[in-house]
Every structure is written in C-alpha cells, then in structure tokens.
Amino acid sequence: MSKFDASSCMSRRTVLIAAAGAAPLLALGATGAKAAKMSQAAVRYQATPKDGKQCDGCKLFIAPNACKSVDGTIAATGWCALWVKKAA
C-alpha cells in the first residue's frame, strides 16, 4: 500500500486557477504592437531635442520616422518622456 503525499501532487483546482490566470496574459501577447502605442500628447512628444536627447539616440526609435511606443510620425530630432538611450 502506498501513502498519498499531498505535497507532491497538484490539485485540479490549482491547475485550473493557473490556466485561468494565464489566459489574459496570452491574449495580451497576441495583440498587435500598434495597440500598445501611446499618443504623442500622452508622452509629451516635441519635435525638438531636449537636454541633448533626441529620438535618433533612443532605443525605441525606428528610422526614418517612427517609434515602437509612440503613435504617429516622429522626427529624428524629436524627444518624448519615454526616451531611453540606445545601447552602445
């Protein structure tokens, strides 16, 4: 006769709760990148550099005039609050 060890098995309830929690994350991953873009006003975008920082030096900038996180046409000399320095 073998003893039942509750700590070594996973209940059906645990599996169902984990699956239910993972479903929204999978759905978010399936949406297009376009849906995640923010408006220029929301990120305080400006078409001129700020403190020596400009879009063409940002890791989110997509040449010649787009951004991974900001919607619309982006100037290479622009700046927004999401600016992150490109890796060297």
N, C-alpha and C. Protein backbone atom coordinates (compact mmCIF):
# COMPACT_ATOMS: atom_id res chain seq x y z
N MET A 1 0.82 -1.18 0.00
CA MET A 1 0.00 0.00 0.00
C MET A 1 0.88 1.25 0.00
N SER A 2 0.63 2.20 -0.89
CA SER A 2 1.43 3.43 -0.94
C SER A 2 0.68 4.56 -0.25
N LYS A 3 1.43 5.41 0.36
CA LYS A 3 0.83 6.56 1.04
C LYS A 3 0.65 7.70 0.04
N PHE A 4 -0.41 8.44 0.19
CA PHE A 4 -0.69 9.60 -0.66
C PHE A 4 0.06 10.79 -0.08
N ASP A 5 0.91 11.39 -0.87
CA ASP A 5 1.68 12.55 -0.43
C ASP A 5 1.10 13.80 -1.10
N ALA A 6 0.34 14.58 -0.35
CA ALA A 6 -0.36 15.74 -0.90
C ALA A 6 0.59 16.82 -1.39
N SER A 7 1.78 16.90 -0.83
CA SER A 7 2.71 17.96 -1.23
C SER A 7 3.35 17.69 -2.59
N SER A 8 3.30 16.46 -3.08
CA SER A 8 3.96 16.15 -4.34
C SER A 8 3.02 16.16 -5.54
N CYS A 9 1.73 16.35 -5.33
CA CYS A 9 0.83 16.40 -6.48
C CYS A 9 0.12 17.74 -6.53
N MET A 10 -0.34 18.08 -7.70
CA MET A 10 -1.01 19.33 -7.91
C MET A 10 -2.50 19.05 -8.09
N SER A 11 -3.34 19.79 -7.40
CA SER A 11 -4.77 19.56 -7.50
C SER A 11 -5.31 20.12 -8.81
N ARG A 12 -6.44 19.61 -9.21
CA ARG A 12 -7.09 20.09 -10.42
C ARG A 12 -7.45 21.56 -10.26
N ARG A 13 -7.83 21.96 -9.06
CA ARG A 13 -8.19 23.36 -8.79
C ARG A 13 -6.99 24.28 -9.05
N THR A 14 -5.82 23.87 -8.61
CA THR A 14 -4.61 24.66 -8.81
C THR A 14 -4.30 24.82 -10.29
N VAL A 15 -4.44 23.74 -11.04
CA VAL A 15 -4.18 23.78 -12.48
C VAL A 15 -5.18 24.70 -13.17
N LEU A 16 -6.46 24.61 -12.82
CA LEU A 16 -7.48 25.45 -13.45
C LEU A 16 -7.29 26.93 -13.11
N ILE A 17 -6.93 27.22 -11.88
CA ILE A 17 -6.69 28.62 -11.49
C ILE A 17 -5.49 29.18 -12.24
N ALA A 18 -4.44 28.39 -12.37
CA ALA A 18 -3.25 28.83 -13.10
C ALA A 18 -3.57 29.06 -14.58
N ALA A 19 -4.36 28.18 -15.16
CA ALA A 19 -4.74 28.33 -16.57
C ALA A 19 -5.61 29.57 -16.76
N ALA A 20 -6.53 29.80 -15.84
CA ALA A 20 -7.39 30.98 -15.94
C ALA A 20 -6.58 32.27 -15.80
N GLY A 21 -5.56 32.25 -14.96
CA GLY A 21 -4.71 33.41 -14.79
C GLY A 21 -3.81 33.66 -15.97
N ALA A 22 -3.41 32.61 -16.67
CA ALA A 22 -2.52 32.74 -17.82
C ALA A 22 -3.25 33.19 -19.08
N ALA A 23 -4.53 32.91 -19.17
CA ALA A 23 -5.29 33.24 -20.39
C ALA A 23 -5.23 34.73 -20.75
N PRO A 24 -5.46 35.66 -19.81
CA PRO A 24 -5.37 37.08 -20.18
C PRO A 24 -3.97 37.50 -20.62
N LEU A 25 -2.94 36.92 -20.01
CA LEU A 25 -1.57 37.24 -20.41
C LEU A 25 -1.30 36.79 -21.83
N LEU A 26 -1.79 35.63 -22.19
CA LEU A 26 -1.62 35.14 -23.55
C LEU A 26 -2.38 36.02 -24.54
N ALA A 27 -3.57 36.46 -24.15
CA ALA A 27 -4.36 37.34 -25.02
C ALA A 27 -3.65 38.67 -25.23
N LEU A 28 -3.03 39.22 -24.18
CA LEU A 28 -2.31 40.48 -24.32
C LEU A 28 -1.11 40.31 -25.23
N GLY A 29 -0.44 39.19 -25.15
CA GLY A 29 0.70 38.92 -26.01
C GLY A 29 0.32 38.75 -27.46
N ALA A 30 -0.92 38.36 -27.72
CA ALA A 30 -1.37 38.13 -29.08
C ALA A 30 -1.81 39.41 -29.79
N THR A 31 -2.02 40.49 -29.03
CA THR A 31 -2.45 41.73 -29.66
C THR A 31 -1.27 42.37 -30.38
N GLY A 32 -1.56 43.16 -31.38
CA GLY A 32 -0.50 43.80 -32.16
C GLY A 32 0.20 44.89 -31.39
N ALA A 33 1.40 45.20 -31.81
CA ALA A 33 2.18 46.25 -31.17
C ALA A 33 1.50 47.61 -31.36
N LYS A 34 0.73 47.77 -32.42
CA LYS A 34 0.05 49.02 -32.69
C LYS A 34 -0.89 49.39 -31.54
N ALA A 35 -1.53 48.42 -30.94
CA ALA A 35 -2.46 48.67 -29.85
C ALA A 35 -1.74 49.22 -28.63
N ALA A 36 -0.49 48.93 -28.45
CA ALA A 36 0.25 49.36 -27.28
C ALA A 36 0.82 50.76 -27.41
N LYS A 37 0.75 51.37 -28.58
CA LYS A 37 1.35 52.69 -28.77
C LYS A 37 0.54 53.77 -28.05
N MET A 38 1.26 54.76 -27.54
CA MET A 38 0.64 55.87 -26.82
C MET A 38 0.58 57.10 -27.73
N SER A 39 -0.30 58.02 -27.39
CA SER A 39 -0.41 59.23 -28.18
C SER A 39 0.78 60.14 -27.91
N GLN A 40 1.07 61.01 -28.86
CA GLN A 40 2.18 61.95 -28.70
C GLN A 40 1.96 62.87 -27.51
N ALA A 41 0.71 63.29 -27.30
CA ALA A 41 0.41 64.17 -26.17
C ALA A 41 0.64 63.47 -24.83
N ALA A 42 0.31 62.19 -24.76
CA ALA A 42 0.46 61.44 -23.50
C ALA A 42 1.91 61.31 -23.06
N VAL A 43 2.84 61.31 -24.01
CA VAL A 43 4.26 61.17 -23.68
C VAL A 43 5.02 62.49 -23.80
N ARG A 44 4.28 63.59 -23.96
CA ARG A 44 4.84 64.94 -24.07
C ARG A 44 5.85 65.06 -25.22
N TYR A 45 5.50 64.45 -26.36
CA TYR A 45 6.38 64.48 -27.53
C TYR A 45 6.55 65.92 -28.02
N GLN A 46 7.77 66.24 -28.41
CA GLN A 46 8.07 67.53 -29.06
C GLN A 46 9.02 67.26 -30.21
N ALA A 47 8.92 68.05 -31.26
CA ALA A 47 9.71 67.83 -32.48
C ALA A 47 11.14 68.33 -32.36
N THR A 48 11.51 68.88 -31.21
CA THR A 48 12.86 69.39 -31.00
C THR A 48 13.54 68.62 -29.86
N PRO A 49 14.87 68.57 -29.85
CA PRO A 49 15.59 67.85 -28.79
C PRO A 49 15.40 68.51 -27.42
N LYS A 50 15.66 67.74 -26.37
CA LYS A 50 15.59 68.29 -25.01
C LYS A 50 16.84 67.82 -24.25
N ASP A 51 17.57 68.77 -23.73
CA ASP A 51 18.79 68.48 -22.95
C ASP A 51 19.76 67.56 -23.69
N GLY A 52 19.89 67.76 -24.99
CA GLY A 52 20.81 66.95 -25.79
C GLY A 52 20.29 65.56 -26.14
N LYS A 53 19.06 65.26 -25.75
CA LYS A 53 18.46 63.95 -26.05
C LYS A 53 17.48 64.12 -27.21
N GLN A 54 17.59 63.21 -28.19
CA GLN A 54 16.66 63.25 -29.31
C GLN A 54 16.35 61.84 -29.77
N CYS A 55 15.26 61.69 -30.51
CA CYS A 55 14.73 60.38 -30.90
C CYS A 55 15.75 59.47 -31.59
N ASP A 56 16.59 60.00 -32.45
CA ASP A 56 17.53 59.12 -33.17
C ASP A 56 18.57 58.50 -32.23
N GLY A 57 18.65 58.96 -30.98
CA GLY A 57 19.52 58.37 -29.98
C GLY A 57 18.76 57.49 -29.00
N CYS A 58 17.48 57.24 -29.28
CA CYS A 58 16.62 56.44 -28.39
C CYS A 58 16.47 55.02 -28.92
N LYS A 59 16.44 54.04 -28.02
CA LYS A 59 16.32 52.65 -28.46
C LYS A 59 14.93 52.32 -28.99
N LEU A 60 13.94 53.18 -28.78
CA LEU A 60 12.59 52.94 -29.29
C LEU A 60 12.36 53.51 -30.69
N PHE A 61 13.30 54.32 -31.17
CA PHE A 61 13.14 54.98 -32.48
C PHE A 61 13.33 53.98 -33.62
N ILE A 62 12.45 54.06 -34.61
CA ILE A 62 12.53 53.24 -35.82
C ILE A 62 12.73 54.21 -36.99
N ALA A 63 13.94 54.20 -37.56
CA ALA A 63 14.25 55.11 -38.68
C ALA A 63 13.35 54.78 -39.86
N PRO A 64 12.94 55.72 -40.65
CA PRO A 64 13.32 57.13 -40.60
C PRO A 64 12.43 58.00 -39.72
N ASN A 65 11.17 57.58 -39.42
CA ASN A 65 10.28 58.50 -38.70
C ASN A 65 9.19 57.81 -37.88
N ALA A 66 9.53 56.76 -37.15
CA ALA A 66 8.53 56.05 -36.34
C ALA A 66 9.11 55.69 -34.98
N CYS A 67 8.25 55.20 -34.11
CA CYS A 67 8.65 54.81 -32.76
C CYS A 67 7.91 53.54 -32.37
N LYS A 68 8.54 52.70 -31.57
CA LYS A 68 7.92 51.46 -31.11
C LYS A 68 6.81 51.73 -30.11
N SER A 69 6.86 52.87 -29.40
CA SER A 69 5.90 53.14 -28.34
C SER A 69 4.99 54.34 -28.56
N VAL A 70 5.34 55.21 -29.51
CA VAL A 70 4.56 56.43 -29.73
C VAL A 70 3.91 56.39 -31.10
N ASP A 71 2.64 56.74 -31.16
CA ASP A 71 1.88 56.71 -32.40
C ASP A 71 2.18 57.94 -33.25
N GLY A 72 2.10 57.79 -34.55
CA GLY A 72 2.25 58.90 -35.47
C GLY A 72 3.66 59.04 -36.02
N THR A 73 3.85 60.11 -36.79
CA THR A 73 5.14 60.41 -37.39
C THR A 73 6.04 61.05 -36.35
N ILE A 74 7.26 60.55 -36.25
CA ILE A 74 8.21 61.02 -35.24
C ILE A 74 9.44 61.60 -35.93
N ALA A 75 9.85 62.80 -35.53
CA ALA A 75 11.04 63.42 -36.09
C ALA A 75 12.28 62.83 -35.43
N ALA A 76 13.32 62.60 -36.22
CA ALA A 76 14.58 62.08 -35.67
C ALA A 76 15.17 63.02 -34.64
N THR A 77 14.86 64.30 -34.75
CA THR A 77 15.37 65.29 -33.81
C THR A 77 14.39 65.57 -32.68
N GLY A 78 13.31 64.79 -32.59
CA GLY A 78 12.30 64.99 -31.55
C GLY A 78 12.73 64.40 -30.21
N TRP A 79 11.82 64.52 -29.23
CA TRP A 79 12.05 63.98 -27.90
C TRP A 79 10.71 63.70 -27.24
N CYS A 80 10.65 62.69 -26.34
CA CYS A 80 9.46 62.47 -25.51
C CYS A 80 9.89 61.91 -24.17
N ALA A 81 8.95 61.79 -23.26
CA ALA A 81 9.22 61.34 -21.89
C ALA A 81 9.64 59.87 -21.83
N LEU A 82 9.43 59.10 -22.89
CA LEU A 82 9.82 57.69 -22.90
C LEU A 82 11.25 57.47 -23.39
N TRP A 83 11.97 58.53 -23.65
CA TRP A 83 13.33 58.44 -24.22
C TRP A 83 14.23 57.54 -23.38
N VAL A 84 14.87 56.57 -24.07
CA VAL A 84 15.82 55.64 -23.43
C VAL A 84 17.05 55.56 -24.33
N LYS A 85 18.22 55.80 -23.77
CA LYS A 85 19.46 55.83 -24.54
C LYS A 85 19.70 54.48 -25.24
N LYS A 86 20.09 54.56 -26.53
CA LYS A 86 20.45 53.35 -27.29
C LYS A 86 21.68 52.71 -26.67
N ALA A 87 21.73 51.39 -26.74
CA ALA A 87 22.92 50.68 -26.28
C ALA A 87 24.08 51.01 -27.22
N ALA A 88 25.25 51.14 -26.66
CA ALA A 88 26.42 51.49 -27.46
C ALA A 88 26.85 50.40 -28.39
